[in-house]
């Protein structure tokens, strides 16, 4: 099977374009995964703080009702 230079150039261009697309997409997905993990940790911290603040508010309301 003979390939002329034009066919080789087209195939190489498609190959490099596909490889570049795959690399950049994979890189972006890895960055998004890192961001999601960070946000999940922050959400957990915020939920703990909200729970603590709700308990403090309930205690303050109970003490205010007792007076």
Protein backbone atom coordinates (compact mmCIF):
# COMPACT_ATOMS: atom_id res chain seq x y z
CA UNK A 1 0.00 0.00 0.00
CA UNK A 2 1.47 3.29 -1.12
CA UNK A 3 0.77 6.49 0.77
CA UNK A 4 1.52 9.78 -0.83
CA UNK A 5 2.82 12.74 1.19
CA UNK A 6 -0.55 14.53 1.23
CA UNK A 7 -2.26 11.54 2.83
CA UNK A 8 0.49 11.23 5.45
CA UNK A 9 0.20 14.93 6.29
CA UNK A 10 -3.60 14.70 6.66
CA UNK A 11 -3.35 11.58 8.85
CA UNK A 12 -0.60 13.13 11.00
CA UNK A 13 -2.64 16.32 11.40
CA UNK A 14 -5.69 14.34 12.50
CA UNK A 15 -3.60 12.25 14.89
CA UNK A 16 -1.92 15.26 16.52
CA UNK A 17 -5.23 17.14 16.75
CA UNK A 18 -6.90 14.16 18.43
CA UNK A 19 -3.99 13.69 20.83
CA UNK A 20 -3.99 17.38 21.74
CA UNK A 21 -7.74 17.34 22.30
CA UNK A 22 -7.46 14.27 24.52
CA UNK A 23 -4.60 15.75 26.56
CA UNK A 24 -6.28 19.11 27.15
CA UNK A 25 -9.62 17.50 27.97
CA UNK A 26 -8.01 15.11 30.45
CA UNK A 27 -6.07 17.97 32.04
CA UNK A 28 -9.22 20.07 32.43
CA UNK A 29 -11.12 17.14 33.93
CA UNK A 30 -8.33 16.57 36.47
CA UNK A 31 -8.44 20.26 37.41
CA UNK A 32 -12.22 20.12 37.82
CA UNK A 33 -11.94 17.04 40.00
CA UNK A 34 -9.45 18.84 42.24
CA UNK A 35 -11.77 21.86 42.48
CA UNK A 36 -14.76 19.67 43.33
CA UNK A 37 -12.85 17.90 46.10
CA UNK A 38 -11.80 21.26 47.54
CA UNK A 39 -15.37 22.57 47.41
CA UNK A 40 -16.70 19.40 49.06
CA UNK A 41 -14.27 19.91 51.96
CA UNK A 42 -15.33 23.53 52.28
CA UNK A 43 -18.99 22.53 52.22
CA UNK A 44 -18.39 20.05 55.03
CA UNK A 45 -16.72 22.77 57.10
CA UNK A 46 -19.59 25.20 56.45
CA UNK A 47 -22.15 22.55 57.41
CA UNK A 48 -20.31 21.91 60.70
CA UNK A 49 -20.24 25.63 61.44
CA UNK A 50 -23.93 26.01 60.58
CA UNK A 51 -24.81 23.12 62.89
CA UNK A 52 -22.78 24.68 65.70
CA UNK A 53 -24.39 28.10 65.16
CA UNK A 54 -27.87 26.56 65.12
CA UNK A 55 -27.19 24.91 68.48
CA UNK A 56 -25.98 28.22 69.90
CA UNK A 57 -29.08 30.01 68.64
CA UNK A 58 -31.35 27.34 70.11
CA UNK A 59 -29.60 27.59 73.48
CA UNK A 60 -29.85 31.37 73.41
CA UNK A 61 -33.56 31.17 72.60
CA UNK A 62 -34.15 28.64 75.37
CA UNK A 63 -32.32 30.81 77.90
CA UNK A 64 -34.30 33.85 76.76
CA UNK A 65 -37.57 31.95 77.23
CA UNK A 66 -36.59 30.86 80.75
CA UNK A 67 -36.06 34.43 81.96
